[in-house]
Amino acid sequence: MEPLASVCADASSAVVDKMNVYRLFNPSSAEHLYTSDFYEAMTIASAQGWQYEGIGFTASGSSGTPVYRLYSPACGLHLWTTDANEKRELSIAKHEWNYEGVAWFGVKGFHMRRLYDPASGQHLYTRDSNEVAELTSRCGWREEPSAGTWDTGDAHDYVPVEPTWLVSSSWGNGEQRYWIQSDGSIAKGTTLSVGGVEYVADVTGAALEKSEYDFVNTWAHRIDAYMAAYPLAGQGRNFAQAAYEHGLDPRLSAAIASLESTRGKYCFRPHNAWGWTGKSFSSWREAIWAHVRYLATSGYYGFAWGPYGRKFTERDAQTYSGGYYGVAYLERFMRDIWA
């Protein structure tokens, strides 16, 4: 099978309002999912059992052939089509599918092919002729050449994404970190340097610090330098270790403490440096670990992915502060720790 981002030919024209479309695979149901929302792709891959496969193709966000997205609650499947009659028949006449709107717009370039598996009811969309041949000749799939397919842009002509960590257990080897590169692919079989810490990404993409010790030491030193002469001085290791365990940006909890209590100087309650209503703690260590764990596991925060781990979105910052400050204000404090 060709890689998703393999070059098929030269694209014939520039794409207006170009966007990436990401492809994911669910090993439990054998379904593929396509989304132009990188945040949706990362959220699904990190928490819902889907394997992230990278950028499948590019499309337009505003002009070209509209591609409709539908979802069937009965069978839990998605369908994408450019055929307005098919959309109308499924979502209105039969009431079996929910219409979710225009996903993207097809563009002149490479033709997408639609396959159907009668055994599972699944559809697959691909430009890869080898993938089509493999599935139709050996796996029981059949091509639907007259279905509402579309043309796409080349996956090599992608919109760069901000490199970030994906923390996922979807590959069946426990929870692992995977480094998403600017081309949307997972780094594999290479050495990475992220935030001054070195990682080794194996052939599956699972990225392990050359040592957890190096990661914690690096960030502990940075946070300790920032907290010097304040009550939270010397707590860098707790911030770093807790963030490592929960996949968060090591600066996040420390920056909130700086903003809410001037680095622990004006605490709401004993050892509560975060304006955390009703909470008191017996030590800084207990407080830091509890706060980081709360941020990571409470379910209140959606997070965005940054180069050092998960961090707040605008909505997260507004939720945490009750609308008192936004994410740009919080990130000023994070950059003071380390840019």
Protein backbone atom coordinates (compact mmCIF):
# COMPACT_ATOMS: atom_id res chain seq x y z
CA MET A 1 0.00 0.00 0.00
CA GLU A 2 1.32 3.45 -0.86
CA PRO A 3 1.84 5.94 1.98
CA LEU A 4 -1.03 8.37 2.36
CA ALA A 5 1.21 11.27 1.46
CA SER A 6 2.78 9.64 -1.62
CA VAL A 7 3.14 11.77 -4.70
CA CYS A 8 0.76 10.70 -7.47
CA ALA A 9 1.25 13.50 -9.99
CA ASP A 10 1.64 17.26 -10.17
CA ALA A 11 -1.42 19.15 -8.96
CA SER A 12 -2.88 21.21 -11.78
CA SER A 13 -3.96 24.37 -9.97
CA ALA A 14 -3.69 26.24 -6.70
CA VAL A 15 -6.36 25.47 -4.11
CA VAL A 16 -8.40 28.35 -2.71
CA ASP A 17 -8.58 28.33 1.13
CA LYS A 18 -6.63 25.08 1.22
CA MET A 19 -7.08 22.71 4.17
CA ASN A 20 -5.76 19.32 5.21
CA VAL A 21 -8.08 16.34 5.56
CA TYR A 22 -6.82 13.85 8.15
CA ARG A 23 -7.50 10.11 8.06
CA LEU A 24 -8.02 7.85 11.08
CA PHE A 25 -8.69 4.13 11.44
CA ASN A 26 -10.63 2.27 14.12
CA PRO A 27 -9.14 -1.23 14.56
CA SER A 28 -12.22 -2.42 16.47
CA SER A 29 -14.80 -1.54 13.82
CA ALA A 30 -12.48 -1.32 10.77
CA GLU A 31 -14.00 2.09 9.98
CA HIS A 32 -12.04 5.00 8.54
CA LEU A 33 -12.82 8.57 9.58
CA TYR A 34 -11.92 11.74 7.70
CA THR A 35 -11.88 15.22 9.20
CA SER A 36 -10.46 18.61 8.27
CA ASP A 37 -10.31 19.54 11.96
CA PHE A 38 -6.87 18.76 13.39
CA TYR A 39 -8.17 19.23 16.93
CA GLU A 40 -10.92 16.67 16.28
CA ALA A 41 -8.37 14.25 14.82
CA MET A 42 -6.08 14.56 17.86
CA THR A 43 -8.97 14.28 20.35
CA ILE A 44 -10.36 11.15 18.71
CA ALA A 45 -6.93 9.54 18.39
CA SER A 46 -6.00 10.27 21.99
CA ALA A 47 -9.19 9.20 23.74
CA GLN A 48 -11.48 7.13 21.53
CA GLY A 49 -9.45 4.22 20.19
CA TRP A 50 -8.74 5.53 16.68
CA GLN A 51 -5.34 5.25 15.04
CA TYR A 52 -4.15 8.47 13.43
CA GLU A 53 -2.92 7.91 9.85
CA GLY A 54 -1.87 11.43 8.87
CA ILE A 55 -2.98 13.76 6.08
CA GLY A 56 -4.99 11.81 3.54
CA PHE A 57 -5.38 14.65 1.04
CA THR A 58 -6.01 18.38 0.79
CA ALA A 59 -9.23 20.16 -0.08
CA SER A 60 -10.75 23.64 -0.13
CA GLY A 61 -12.66 25.22 2.71
CA SER A 62 -14.74 27.55 0.57
CA SER A 63 -14.98 26.70 -3.13
CA GLY A 64 -15.33 23.68 -5.40
CA THR A 65 -17.57 20.62 -5.19
CA PRO A 66 -19.26 20.37 -1.75
CA VAL A 67 -18.61 17.10 0.08
CA TYR A 68 -21.43 16.26 2.51
CA ARG A 69 -20.85 14.38 5.76
CA LEU A 70 -23.55 12.11 7.23
CA TYR A 71 -23.66 9.91 10.30
CA SER A 72 -25.81 6.88 11.11
CA PRO A 73 -26.58 6.53 14.85
CA ALA A 74 -27.94 3.04 14.22
CA CYS A 75 -24.69 1.58 12.93
CA GLY A 76 -22.20 4.21 14.11
CA LEU A 77 -20.82 4.87 10.61
CA HIS A 78 -20.00 8.00 8.62
CA LEU A 79 -20.58 8.60 4.94
CA TRP A 80 -19.14 11.30 2.68
CA THR A 81 -20.70 12.09 -0.67
CA THR A 82 -20.98 14.84 -3.28
CA ASP A 83 -24.31 13.44 -4.49
CA ALA A 84 -27.07 15.76 -3.22
CA ASN A 85 -29.70 13.14 -4.10
CA GLU A 86 -27.92 10.51 -2.01
CA LYS A 87 -27.65 12.97 0.87
CA ARG A 88 -31.34 13.84 0.61
CA GLU A 89 -32.43 10.21 0.32
CA LEU A 90 -30.48 9.08 3.37
CA SER A 91 -31.09 12.04 5.67
CA ILE A 92 -34.63 13.08 4.73
CA ALA A 93 -36.51 10.36 2.88
CA LYS A 94 -35.25 7.40 4.93
CA HIS A 95 -34.44 9.29 8.17
CA GLU A 96 -31.58 6.84 8.75
CA TRP A 97 -28.65 9.24 8.63
CA ASN A 98 -27.99 12.58 10.32
CA TYR A 99 -26.72 15.24 7.95
CA GLU A 100 -23.69 16.96 9.57
CA GLY A 101 -23.05 19.63 6.94
CA VAL A 102 -20.43 20.30 4.27
CA ALA A 103 -17.16 18.75 5.39
CA TRP A 104 -14.99 20.40 2.70
CA PHE A 105 -14.97 21.16 -1.01
CA GLY A 106 -13.42 18.94 -3.67
CA VAL A 107 -10.79 20.50 -5.90
CA LYS A 108 -9.23 19.71 -9.27
CA GLY A 109 -6.33 17.32 -8.87
CA PHE A 110 -6.57 13.62 -7.98
CA HIS A 111 -9.71 11.53 -8.10
CA MET A 112 -10.94 9.93 -4.88
CA ARG A 113 -12.35 6.39 -5.21
CA ARG A 114 -15.07 4.95 -2.98
CA LEU A 115 -15.10 1.31 -1.87
CA TYR A 116 -17.81 -0.61 0.00
CA ASP A 117 -17.53 -3.70 2.20
CA PRO A 118 -20.82 -5.67 2.14
CA ALA A 119 -19.79 -7.67 5.20
CA SER A 120 -19.41 -4.67 7.53
CA GLY A 121 -21.27 -1.88 5.73
CA GLN A 122 -18.10 0.22 5.78
CA HIS A 123 -17.01 2.69 3.11
CA LEU A 124 -13.40 3.60 2.33
CA TYR A 125 -12.21 6.60 0.32
CA THR A 126 -8.78 6.43 -1.28
CA ARG A 127 -6.67 7.65 -4.22
CA ASP A 128 -4.32 4.69 -3.85
CA SER A 129 -4.75 2.25 -6.75
CA ASN A 130 -2.75 -0.42 -4.89
CA GLU A 131 -5.10 -0.14 -1.91
CA VAL A 132 -8.10 -0.45 -4.24
CA ALA A 133 -6.62 -3.54 -5.92
CA GLU A 134 -5.76 -5.19 -2.60
CA LEU A 135 -9.19 -4.67 -1.04
CA THR A 136 -11.26 -5.58 -4.10
CA SER A 137 -9.26 -8.66 -5.12
CA ARG A 138 -8.53 -10.20 -1.72
CA CYS A 139 -10.76 -8.71 0.96
CA GLY A 140 -14.26 -8.69 -0.51
CA TRP A 141 -14.64 -4.95 -1.03
CA ARG A 142 -16.25 -3.59 -4.16
CA GLU A 143 -15.71 -0.25 -5.85
CA GLU A 144 -18.62 2.16 -6.31
CA PRO A 145 -17.43 4.09 -9.38
CA SER A 146 -20.69 5.98 -9.87
CA ALA A 147 -21.00 7.10 -6.22
CA GLY A 148 -20.63 10.71 -5.10
CA THR A 149 -16.85 10.92 -5.03
CA TRP A 150 -14.68 13.97 -5.58
CA ASP A 151 -11.26 15.22 -6.65
CA THR A 152 -8.63 16.15 -4.07
CA GLY A 153 -5.40 18.05 -3.75
CA ASP A 154 -2.08 16.30 -3.16
CA ALA A 155 -1.24 15.35 0.43
CA HIS A 156 2.33 16.51 -0.22
CA ASP A 157 0.99 20.01 -0.85
CA TYR A 158 -0.21 20.23 2.75
CA VAL A 159 -0.90 23.10 5.12
CA PRO A 160 1.83 22.86 7.83
CA VAL A 161 0.57 22.01 11.31
CA GLU A 162 2.12 22.97 14.63
CA PRO A 163 4.26 20.00 15.72
CA THR A 164 2.78 18.41 18.80
CA TRP A 165 2.52 15.32 20.96
CA LEU A 166 -0.24 12.76 20.52
CA VAL A 167 -0.71 10.62 23.64
CA SER A 168 -2.62 7.48 22.67
CA SER A 169 -3.08 3.80 23.46
CA SER A 170 -4.84 3.05 20.15
CA TRP A 171 -2.00 0.91 18.79
CA GLY A 172 -2.39 -1.70 21.52
CA ASN A 173 0.98 -1.23 23.22
CA GLY A 174 -0.23 0.83 26.16
CA GLU A 175 -0.32 4.61 26.36
CA GLN A 176 2.52 6.04 24.31
CA ARG A 177 3.63 9.42 23.02
CA TYR A 178 3.79 10.06 19.27
CA TRP A 179 5.35 13.19 17.78
CA ILE A 180 3.24 14.76 15.03
CA GLN A 181 5.51 16.58 12.58
CA SER A 182 4.70 19.73 10.60
CA ASP A 183 3.66 17.61 7.59
CA GLY A 184 1.03 15.89 9.74
CA SER A 185 2.86 12.56 9.87
CA ILE A 186 4.06 10.62 12.92
CA ALA A 187 7.85 10.68 13.33
CA LYS A 188 9.17 7.10 13.11
CA GLY A 189 12.62 5.59 13.46
CA THR A 190 14.35 8.83 14.33
CA THR A 191 15.71 10.93 17.18
CA LEU A 192 13.79 14.06 18.15
CA SER A 193 14.64 17.11 20.19
CA VAL A 194 11.59 18.77 21.72
CA GLY A 195 11.92 21.56 24.25
CA GLY A 196 15.58 20.72 24.73
CA VAL A 197 14.77 17.09 25.60
CA GLU A 198 15.82 14.23 23.32
CA TYR A 199 13.45 11.40 22.38
CA VAL A 200 13.87 8.26 20.30
CA ALA A 201 10.88 7.44 18.08
CA ASP A 202 10.85 3.72 17.23
CA VAL A 203 9.55 2.19 13.98
CA THR A 204 5.95 2.37 15.26
CA GLY A 205 6.35 6.05 16.14
CA ALA A 206 6.23 5.50 19.90
CA ALA A 207 8.58 8.18 21.25
CA LEU A 208 10.43 7.55 24.48
CA GLU A 209 12.67 10.00 26.27
CA LYS A 210 16.26 8.90 26.25
CA SER A 211 15.48 9.01 29.94
CA GLU A 212 12.56 10.28 31.97
CA TYR A 213 15.22 11.68 34.26
CA ASP A 214 16.41 14.04 31.51
CA PHE A 215 12.91 15.34 30.85
CA VAL A 216 12.10 15.98 34.49
CA ASN A 217 15.50 17.52 35.21
CA THR A 218 15.30 19.87 32.23
CA TRP A 219 11.88 21.24 33.14
CA ALA A 220 12.51 21.22 36.88
CA HIS A 221 15.51 23.49 36.35
CA ARG A 222 13.50 25.90 34.17
CA ILE A 223 10.57 26.10 36.59
CA ASP A 224 12.86 26.45 39.62
CA ALA A 225 14.63 29.38 37.97
CA TYR A 226 11.26 31.02 37.37
CA MET A 227 9.99 30.43 40.92
CA ALA A 228 13.20 31.57 42.66
CA ALA A 229 12.59 33.84 45.69
CA TYR A 230 8.89 32.98 45.77
CA PRO A 231 7.06 30.44 47.99
CA LEU A 232 6.95 27.87 45.14
CA ALA A 233 10.76 27.93 44.82
CA GLY A 234 12.22 24.43 44.68
CA GLN A 235 9.00 22.79 43.43
CA GLY A 236 10.08 22.50 39.79
CA ARG A 237 10.57 18.74 40.02
CA ASN A 238 7.00 18.23 41.25
CA PHE A 239 5.58 20.37 38.44
CA ALA A 240 7.71 18.57 35.84
CA GLN A 241 7.14 15.03 37.11
CA ALA A 242 3.37 15.50 37.46
CA ALA A 243 3.13 17.02 33.98
CA TYR A 244 5.14 14.16 32.52
CA GLU A 245 2.85 11.58 34.13
CA HIS A 246 -0.30 13.27 32.78
CA GLY A 247 0.90 14.45 29.35
CA LEU A 248 0.48 18.17 30.11
CA ASP A 249 2.69 21.10 29.19
CA PRO A 250 5.01 21.41 32.24
CA ARG A 251 4.47 25.18 32.28
CA LEU A 252 0.66 25.09 32.56
CA SER A 253 0.06 24.54 36.28
CA ALA A 254 3.06 26.70 37.21
CA ALA A 255 1.79 29.57 35.04
CA ILE A 256 -1.70 29.37 36.56
CA ALA A 257 -0.11 29.53 40.01
CA SER A 258 1.84 32.59 38.96
CA LEU A 259 -1.22 34.32 37.59
CA GLU A 260 -3.58 33.38 40.41
CA SER A 261 -1.30 33.84 43.45
CA THR A 262 1.97 35.47 42.32
CA ARG A 263 3.86 32.14 42.41
CA GLY A 264 2.31 31.06 45.70
CA LYS A 265 2.73 34.37 47.53
CA TYR A 266 -0.98 35.12 48.00
CA CYS A 267 -2.76 31.78 48.41
CA PHE A 268 -6.51 31.45 48.68
CA ARG A 269 -6.13 28.60 51.17
CA PRO A 270 -3.08 26.72 52.56
CA HIS A 271 -0.85 25.66 49.66
CA ASN A 272 -3.61 26.56 47.19
CA ALA A 273 -1.81 28.70 44.63
CA TRP A 274 -4.38 28.27 41.86
CA GLY A 275 -7.55 29.98 43.11
CA TRP A 276 -9.03 26.52 43.40
CA THR A 277 -12.28 26.95 45.35
CA GLY A 278 -12.59 24.99 48.60
CA LYS A 279 -9.20 23.26 48.41
CA SER A 280 -6.52 23.18 51.10
CA PHE A 281 -3.37 21.06 51.15
CA SER A 282 -0.75 20.02 53.68
CA SER A 283 2.24 20.52 51.34
CA TRP A 284 3.25 21.98 47.99
CA ARG A 285 3.94 18.50 46.64
CA GLU A 286 0.43 17.29 47.48
CA ALA A 287 -1.08 20.46 46.01
CA ILE A 288 0.89 20.41 42.74
CA TRP A 289 0.16 16.77 42.00
CA ALA A 290 -3.53 17.23 42.82
CA HIS A 291 -3.81 20.31 40.60
CA VAL A 292 -2.08 18.73 37.59
CA ARG A 293 -4.16 15.58 37.99
CA TYR A 294 -7.33 17.69 38.14
CA LEU A 295 -6.44 19.59 34.97
CA ALA A 296 -5.68 16.38 33.08
CA THR A 297 -8.58 14.19 34.24
CA SER A 298 -11.52 16.36 35.31
CA GLY A 299 -13.07 16.37 31.84
CA TYR A 300 -13.72 20.13 31.98
CA TYR A 301 -10.93 21.01 29.56
CA GLY A 302 -10.52 20.09 25.90
CA PHE A 303 -6.88 21.22 25.54
CA ALA A 304 -4.85 22.07 22.49
CA TRP A 305 -1.61 20.34 21.57
CA GLY A 306 1.59 22.31 21.81
CA PRO A 307 5.23 21.30 21.41
CA TYR A 308 5.63 20.58 25.14
CA GLY A 309 2.34 18.76 25.77
CA ARG A 310 -1.34 19.61 26.17
CA LYS A 311 -2.19 23.20 27.00
CA PHE A 312 -5.31 25.34 27.46
CA THR A 313 -7.50 26.56 24.63
CA GLU A 314 -9.26 29.91 24.85
CA ARG A 315 -12.38 28.15 26.11
CA ASP A 316 -10.36 26.26 28.74
CA ALA A 317 -8.82 29.47 30.09
CA GLN A 318 -12.20 31.17 30.24
CA THR A 319 -13.72 28.12 31.97
CA TYR A 320 -10.95 27.90 34.55
CA SER A 321 -10.94 31.61 35.38
CA GLY A 322 -14.69 32.16 35.18
CA GLY A 323 -14.11 34.50 32.25
CA TYR A 324 -11.54 36.59 34.10
CA TYR A 325 -8.74 35.99 31.60
CA GLY A 326 -8.11 34.38 28.23
CA VAL A 327 -5.46 32.01 26.95
CA ALA A 328 -3.23 34.77 25.51
CA TYR A 329 -2.85 36.30 28.98
CA LEU A 330 -2.04 32.89 30.52
CA GLU A 331 0.51 32.10 27.82
CA ARG A 332 2.43 35.28 28.64
CA PHE A 333 3.27 33.63 31.97
CA MET A 334 4.08 30.32 30.26
CA ARG A 335 6.58 32.07 27.95
CA ASP A 336 8.20 33.68 30.98
CA ILE A 337 9.01 30.16 32.20
CA TRP A 338 10.30 28.99 28.84
CA ALA A 339 9.44 30.05 25.31
